[in-house]
Amino acid sequence: MIHKNWHEKETVKKVKCVHTNAAKYIVNRALTEGKVYEVKNETEEFYFIIDNTGKVGGFYKDYFQQA
């Protein structure tokens, strides 16, 4: 249950959102283009960050670049 303490977990790295043009999902409500986010966990295709809603969300890596 690693997701229970992601808010307190140390930041793995920081990434910058480069776009919110999603093909399937609406991400512009949770991400802001140009904003830097702290990565709390990472998988092969997702970053888990604390988004604009204040919750941890998983987003495809193609929305971000290294900050």
PDB file of N, CA and C in Angstrom:
ATOM      1  N   MET A   1       0.823  -1.192   0.000  1.00  0.00           N
ATOM      2  CA  MET A   1       0.000   0.000   0.000  1.00  0.00           C
ATOM      3  C   MET A   1       0.865   1.252   0.000  1.00  0.00           C
ATOM      4  N   ILE A   2       1.763   1.308  -0.954  1.00  0.00           N
ATOM      5  CA  ILE A   2       2.682   2.437  -1.065  1.00  0.00           C
ATOM      6  C   ILE A   2       1.944   3.753  -1.330  1.00  0.00           C
ATOM      7  N   HIS A   3       0.782   3.688  -1.964  1.00  0.00           N
ATOM      8  CA  HIS A   3       0.042   4.897  -2.309  1.00  0.00           C
ATOM      9  C   HIS A   3      -0.509   5.633  -1.096  1.00  0.00           C
ATOM     10  N   LYS A   4      -0.571   4.998   0.053  1.00  0.00           N
ATOM     11  CA  LYS A   4      -1.126   5.625   1.258  1.00  0.00           C
ATOM     12  C   LYS A   4      -0.239   6.735   1.812  1.00  0.00           C
ATOM     13  N   ASN A   5       1.073   6.677   1.553  1.00  0.00           N
ATOM     14  CA  ASN A   5       1.983   7.683   2.120  1.00  0.00           C
ATOM     15  C   ASN A   5       2.757   8.456   1.064  1.00  0.00           C
ATOM     16  N   TRP A   6       2.242   8.579  -0.152  1.00  0.00           N
ATOM     17  CA  TRP A   6       2.943   9.305  -1.207  1.00  0.00           C
ATOM     18  C   TRP A   6       3.073  10.795  -0.908  1.00  0.00           C
ATOM     19  N   HIS A   7       2.145  11.374  -0.188  1.00  0.00           N
ATOM     20  CA  HIS A   7       2.241  12.806   0.128  1.00  0.00           C
ATOM     21  C   HIS A   7       3.458  13.106   1.001  1.00  0.00           C
ATOM     22  N   GLU A   8       3.809  12.185   1.885  1.00  0.00           N
ATOM     23  CA  GLU A   8       4.939  12.379   2.787  1.00  0.00           C
ATOM     24  C   GLU A   8       6.249  11.841   2.208  1.00  0.00           C
ATOM     25  N   LYS A   9       6.173  11.053   1.155  1.00  0.00           N
ATOM     26  CA  LYS A   9       7.356  10.435   0.565  1.00  0.00           C
ATOM     27  C   LYS A   9       8.263  11.500  -0.048  1.00  0.00           C
ATOM     28  N   GLU A  10       9.567  11.245  -0.014  1.00  0.00           N
ATOM     29  CA  GLU A  10      10.505  12.206  -0.596  1.00  0.00           C
ATOM     30  C   GLU A  10      10.333  12.249  -2.111  1.00  0.00           C
ATOM     31  N   THR A  11      10.670  13.383  -2.685  1.00  0.00           N
ATOM     32  CA  THR A  11      10.530  13.593  -4.111  1.00  0.00           C
ATOM     33  C   THR A  11      11.638  12.858  -4.852  1.00  0.00           C
ATOM     34  N   VAL A  12      11.261  12.098  -5.881  1.00  0.00           N
ATOM     35  CA  VAL A  12      12.228  11.354  -6.683  1.00  0.00           C
ATOM     36  C   VAL A  12      12.969  12.298  -7.615  1.00  0.00           C
ATOM     37  N   LYS A  13      12.222  13.160  -8.315  1.00  0.00           N
ATOM     38  CA  LYS A  13      12.775  14.173  -9.207  1.00  0.00           C
ATOM     39  C   LYS A  13      11.686  15.175  -9.536  1.00  0.00           C
ATOM     40  N   LYS A  14      12.034  16.183 -10.291  1.00  0.00           N
ATOM     41  CA  LYS A  14      11.061  17.191 -10.703  1.00  0.00           C
ATOM     42  C   LYS A  14      10.930  17.168 -12.218  1.00  0.00           C
ATOM     43  N   VAL A  15       9.695  17.316 -12.685  1.00  0.00           N
ATOM     44  CA  VAL A  15       9.412  17.343 -14.113  1.00  0.00           C
ATOM     45  C   VAL A  15       8.543  18.555 -14.426  1.00  0.00           C
ATOM     46  N   LYS A  16       8.651  19.025 -15.668  1.00  0.00           N
ATOM     47  CA  LYS A  16       7.886  20.178 -16.117  1.00  0.00           C
ATOM     48  C   LYS A  16       6.847  19.713 -17.133  1.00  0.00           C
ATOM     49  N   CYS A  17       5.619  20.151 -16.964  1.00  0.00           N
ATOM     50  CA  CYS A  17       4.543  19.808 -17.890  1.00  0.00           C
ATOM     51  C   CYS A  17       4.745  20.600 -19.181  1.00  0.00           C
ATOM     52  N   VAL A  18       4.828  19.907 -20.315  1.00  0.00           N
ATOM     53  CA  VAL A  18       5.069  20.583 -21.589  1.00  0.00           C
ATOM     54  C   VAL A  18       3.807  20.732 -22.428  1.00  0.00           C
ATOM     55  N   HIS A  19       2.790  19.901 -22.180  1.00  0.00           N
ATOM     56  CA  HIS A  19       1.513  20.057 -22.884  1.00  0.00           C
ATOM     57  C   HIS A  19       0.414  19.310 -22.136  1.00  0.00           C
ATOM     58  N   THR A  20      -0.821  19.677 -22.454  1.00  0.00           N
ATOM     59  CA  THR A  20      -1.979  18.999 -21.861  1.00  0.00           C
ATOM     60  C   THR A  20      -2.923  18.521 -22.957  1.00  0.00           C
ATOM     61  N   ASN A  21      -2.391  18.278 -24.136  1.00  0.00           N
ATOM     62  CA  ASN A  21      -3.184  17.813 -25.278  1.00  0.00           C
ATOM     63  C   ASN A  21      -3.318  16.297 -25.219  1.00  0.00           C
ATOM     64  N   ALA A  22      -4.332  15.836 -24.549  1.00  0.00           N
ATOM     65  CA  ALA A  22      -4.545  14.398 -24.380  1.00  0.00           C
ATOM     66  C   ALA A  22      -5.478  13.874 -25.460  1.00  0.00           C
ATOM     67  N   ALA A  23      -5.157  12.696 -25.976  1.00  0.00           N
ATOM     68  CA  ALA A  23      -5.994  12.083 -27.002  1.00  0.00           C
ATOM     69  C   ALA A  23      -7.256  11.469 -26.405  1.00  0.00           C
ATOM     70  N   LYS A  24      -7.146  10.906 -25.201  1.00  0.00           N
ATOM     71  CA  LYS A  24      -8.257  10.173 -24.614  1.00  0.00           C
ATOM     72  C   LYS A  24      -8.877  10.844 -23.396  1.00  0.00           C
ATOM     73  N   TYR A  25      -8.067  11.453 -22.569  1.00  0.00           N
ATOM     74  CA  TYR A  25      -8.521  11.935 -21.271  1.00  0.00           C
ATOM     75  C   TYR A  25      -8.409  13.449 -21.185  1.00  0.00           C
ATOM     76  N   ILE A  26      -9.113  14.041 -20.248  1.00  0.00           N
ATOM     77  CA  ILE A  26      -9.008  15.479 -19.994  1.00  0.00           C
ATOM     78  C   ILE A  26      -7.992  15.667 -18.875  1.00  0.00           C
ATOM     79  N   VAL A  27      -6.845  16.203 -19.206  1.00  0.00           N
ATOM     80  CA  VAL A  27      -5.807  16.388 -18.198  1.00  0.00           C
ATOM     81  C   VAL A  27      -5.573  17.861 -17.868  1.00  0.00           C
ATOM     82  N   ASN A  28      -6.156  18.781 -18.633  1.00  0.00           N
ATOM     83  CA  ASN A  28      -5.903  20.203 -18.370  1.00  0.00           C
ATOM     84  C   ASN A  28      -6.559  20.685 -17.082  1.00  0.00           C
ATOM     85  N   ARG A  29      -7.413  19.873 -16.471  1.00  0.00           N
ATOM     86  CA  ARG A  29      -7.984  20.226 -15.166  1.00  0.00           C
ATOM     87  C   ARG A  29      -7.015  19.887 -14.030  1.00  0.00           C
ATOM     88  N   ALA A  30      -6.140  18.913 -14.272  1.00  0.00           N
ATOM     89  CA  ALA A  30      -5.227  18.451 -13.235  1.00  0.00           C
ATOM     90  C   ALA A  30      -3.793  18.924 -13.453  1.00  0.00           C
ATOM     91  N   LEU A  31      -3.441  19.305 -14.670  1.00  0.00           N
ATOM     92  CA  LEU A  31      -2.083  19.759 -14.986  1.00  0.00           C
ATOM     93  C   LEU A  31      -2.127  21.150 -15.588  1.00  0.00           C
ATOM     94  N   THR A  32      -1.065  21.901 -15.362  1.00  0.00           N
ATOM     95  CA  THR A  32      -0.909  23.221 -15.950  1.00  0.00           C
ATOM     96  C   THR A  32       0.358  23.217 -16.783  1.00  0.00           C
ATOM     97  N   GLU A  33       0.213  23.589 -18.040  1.00  0.00           N
ATOM     98  CA  GLU A  33       1.357  23.628 -18.934  1.00  0.00           C
ATOM     99  C   GLU A  33       2.388  24.643 -18.427  1.00  0.00           C
ATOM    100  N   GLY A  34       3.643  24.216 -18.335  1.00  0.00           N
ATOM    101  CA  GLY A  34       4.720  25.079 -17.865  1.00  0.00           C
ATOM    102  C   GLY A  34       5.012  24.960 -16.381  1.00  0.00           C
ATOM    103  N   LYS A  35       4.164  24.313 -15.626  1.00  0.00           N
ATOM    104  CA  LYS A  35       4.353  24.163 -14.182  1.00  0.00           C
ATOM    105  C   LYS A  35       5.272  22.977 -13.878  1.00  0.00           C
ATOM    106  N   VAL A  36       6.072  23.109 -12.833  1.00  0.00           N
ATOM    107  CA  VAL A  36       6.980  22.043 -12.404  1.00  0.00           C
ATOM    108  C   VAL A  36       6.313  21.240 -11.293  1.00  0.00           C
ATOM    109  N   TYR A  37       6.340  19.926 -11.426  1.00  0.00           N
ATOM    110  CA  TYR A  37       5.716  19.017 -10.469  1.00  0.00           C
ATOM    111  C   TYR A  37       6.764  18.103  -9.853  1.00  0.00           C
ATOM    112  N   GLU A  38       6.521  17.679  -8.631  1.00  0.00           N
ATOM    113  CA  GLU A  38       7.404  16.753  -7.929  1.00  0.00           C
ATOM    114  C   GLU A  38       6.932  15.329  -8.164  1.00  0.00           C
ATOM    115  N   VAL A  39       7.840  14.477  -8.619  1.00  0.00           N
ATOM    116  CA  VAL A  39       7.514  13.075  -8.880  1.00  0.00           C
ATOM    117  C   VAL A  39       7.663  12.297  -7.585  1.00  0.00           C
ATOM    118  N   LYS A  40       6.598  11.638  -7.183  1.00  0.00           N
ATOM    119  CA  LYS A  40       6.610  10.839  -5.962  1.00  0.00           C
ATOM    120  C   LYS A  40       6.908   9.368  -6.245  1.00  0.00           C
ATOM    121  N   ASN A  41       6.545   8.896  -7.436  1.00  0.00           N
ATOM    122  CA  ASN A  41       6.837   7.523  -7.845  1.00  0.00           C
ATOM    123  C   ASN A  41       6.856   7.498  -9.365  1.00  0.00           C
ATOM    124  N   GLU A  42       7.532   6.508  -9.930  1.00  0.00           N
ATOM    125  CA  GLU A  42       7.675   6.426 -11.373  1.00  0.00           C
ATOM    126  C   GLU A  42       7.612   4.961 -11.805  1.00  0.00           C
ATOM    127  N   THR A  43       6.915   4.721 -12.911  1.00  0.00           N
ATOM    128  CA  THR A  43       6.913   3.400 -13.526  1.00  0.00           C
ATOM    129  C   THR A  43       7.453   3.555 -14.936  1.00  0.00           C
ATOM    130  N   GLU A  44       7.357   2.500 -15.710  1.00  0.00           N
ATOM    131  CA  GLU A  44       7.889   2.533 -17.064  1.00  0.00           C
ATOM    132  C   GLU A  44       7.201   3.566 -17.953  1.00  0.00           C
ATOM    133  N   GLU A  45       5.884   3.751 -17.778  1.00  0.00           N
ATOM    134  CA  GLU A  45       5.183   4.701 -18.635  1.00  0.00           C
ATOM    135  C   GLU A  45       4.460   5.833 -17.905  1.00  0.00           C
ATOM    136  N   PHE A  46       4.482   5.844 -16.571  1.00  0.00           N
ATOM    137  CA  PHE A  46       3.765   6.863 -15.809  1.00  0.00           C
ATOM    138  C   PHE A  46       4.658   7.565 -14.795  1.00  0.00           C
ATOM    139  N   TYR A  47       4.328   8.850 -14.536  1.00  0.00           N
ATOM    140  CA  TYR A  47       4.834   9.582 -13.375  1.00  0.00           C
ATOM    141  C   TYR A  47       3.656   9.727 -12.415  1.00  0.00           C
ATOM    142  N   PHE A  48       3.901   9.538 -11.144  1.00  0.00           N
ATOM    143  CA  PHE A  48       2.885   9.767 -10.121  1.00  0.00           C
ATOM    144  C   PHE A  48       3.277  11.049  -9.393  1.00  0.00           C
ATOM    145  N   ILE A  49       2.458  12.076  -9.560  1.00  0.00           N
ATOM    146  CA  ILE A  49       2.762  13.406  -9.038  1.00  0.00           C
ATOM    147  C   ILE A  49       1.582  13.904  -8.216  1.00  0.00           C
ATOM    148  N   ILE A  50       1.842  14.942  -7.431  1.00  0.00           N
ATOM    149  CA  ILE A  50       0.744  15.651  -6.762  1.00  0.00           C
ATOM    150  C   ILE A  50       0.296  16.725  -7.745  1.00  0.00           C
ATOM    151  N   ASP A  51      -0.903  16.559  -8.281  1.00  0.00           N
ATOM    152  CA  ASP A  51      -1.380  17.453  -9.340  1.00  0.00           C
ATOM    153  C   ASP A  51      -2.083  18.685  -8.759  1.00  0.00           C
ATOM    154  N   ASN A  52      -2.743  19.445  -9.614  1.00  0.00           N
ATOM    155  CA  ASN A  52      -3.399  20.690  -9.195  1.00  0.00           C
ATOM    156  C   ASN A  52      -4.561  20.467  -8.235  1.00  0.00           C
ATOM    157  N   THR A  53      -5.089  19.268  -8.177  1.00  0.00           N
ATOM    158  CA  THR A  53      -6.192  18.982  -7.259  1.00  0.00           C
ATOM    159  C   THR A  53      -5.699  18.695  -5.843  1.00  0.00           C
ATOM    160  N   GLY A  54      -4.377  18.539  -5.678  1.00  0.00           N
ATOM    161  CA  GLY A  54      -3.806  18.234  -4.378  1.00  0.00           C
ATOM    162  C   GLY A  54      -3.718  16.752  -4.084  1.00  0.00           C
ATOM    163  N   LYS A  55      -4.109  15.934  -5.055  1.00  0.00           N
ATOM    164  CA  LYS A  55      -4.059  14.483  -4.896  1.00  0.00           C
ATOM    165  C   LYS A  55      -2.960  13.910  -5.779  1.00  0.00           C
ATOM    166  N   VAL A  56      -2.533  12.706  -5.449  1.00  0.00           N
ATOM    167  CA  VAL A  56      -1.536  12.030  -6.273  1.00  0.00           C
ATOM    168  C   VAL A  56      -2.249  11.420  -7.473  1.00  0.00           C
ATOM    169  N   GLY A  57      -1.732  11.729  -8.656  1.00  0.00           N
ATOM    170  CA  GLY A  57      -2.303  11.186  -9.881  1.00  0.00           C
ATOM    171  C   GLY A  57      -1.213  10.618 -10.759  1.00  0.00           C
ATOM    172  N   GLY A  58      -1.561   9.631 -11.568  1.00  0.00           N
ATOM    173  CA  GLY A  58      -0.623   9.028 -12.500  1.00  0.00           C
ATOM    174  C   GLY A  58      -0.869   9.571 -13.897  1.00  0.00           C
ATOM    175  N   PHE A  59       0.183  10.052 -14.534  1.00  0.00           N
ATOM    176  CA  PHE A  59       0.077  10.647 -15.864  1.00  0.00           C
ATOM    177  C   PHE A  59       1.146  10.072 -16.772  1.00  0.00           C
ATOM    178  N   TYR A  60       0.826   9.938 -18.058  1.00  0.00           N
ATOM    179  CA  TYR A  60       1.803   9.464 -19.023  1.00  0.00           C
ATOM    180  C   TYR A  60       3.025  10.375 -19.044  1.00  0.00           C
ATOM    181  N   LYS A  61       4.175   9.788 -19.268  1.00  0.00           N
ATOM    182  CA  LYS A  61       5.426  10.545 -19.268  1.00  0.00           C
ATOM    183  C   LYS A  61       5.527  11.522 -20.426  1.00  0.00           C
ATOM    184  N   ASP A  62       4.759  11.327 -21.490  1.00  0.00           N
ATOM    185  CA  ASP A  62       4.882  12.219 -22.641  1.00  0.00           C
ATOM    186  C   ASP A  62       4.332  13.618 -22.392  1.00  0.00           C
ATOM    187  N   TYR A  63       3.667  13.857 -21.265  1.00  0.00           N
ATOM    188  CA  TYR A  63       3.222  15.203 -20.903  1.00  0.00           C
ATOM    189  C   TYR A  63       4.336  16.035 -20.263  1.00  0.00           C
ATOM    190  N   PHE A  64       5.473  15.416 -19.972  1.00  0.00           N
ATOM    191  CA  PHE A  64       6.507  16.056 -19.161  1.00  0.00           C
ATOM    192  C   PHE A  64       7.885  15.996 -19.808  1.00  0.00           C
ATOM    193  N   GLN A  65       8.751  16.868 -19.312  1.00  0.00           N
ATOM    194  CA  GLN A  65      10.174  16.809 -19.607  1.00  0.00           C
ATOM    195  C   GLN A  65      10.922  17.040 -18.308  1.00  0.00           C
ATOM    196  N   GLN A  66      12.167  16.643 -18.262  1.00  0.00           N
ATOM    197  CA  GLN A  66      12.976  16.816 -17.041  1.00  0.00           C
ATOM    198  C   GLN A  66      13.117  18.296 -16.727  1.00  0.00           C
ATOM    199  N   ALA A  67      12.970  18.640 -15.475  1.00  0.00           N
ATOM    200  CA  ALA A  67      13.090  20.046 -15.054  1.00  0.00           C
ATOM    201  C   ALA A  67      14.521  20.358 -14.657  1.00  0.00           C
TER     202      ALA A  67
END
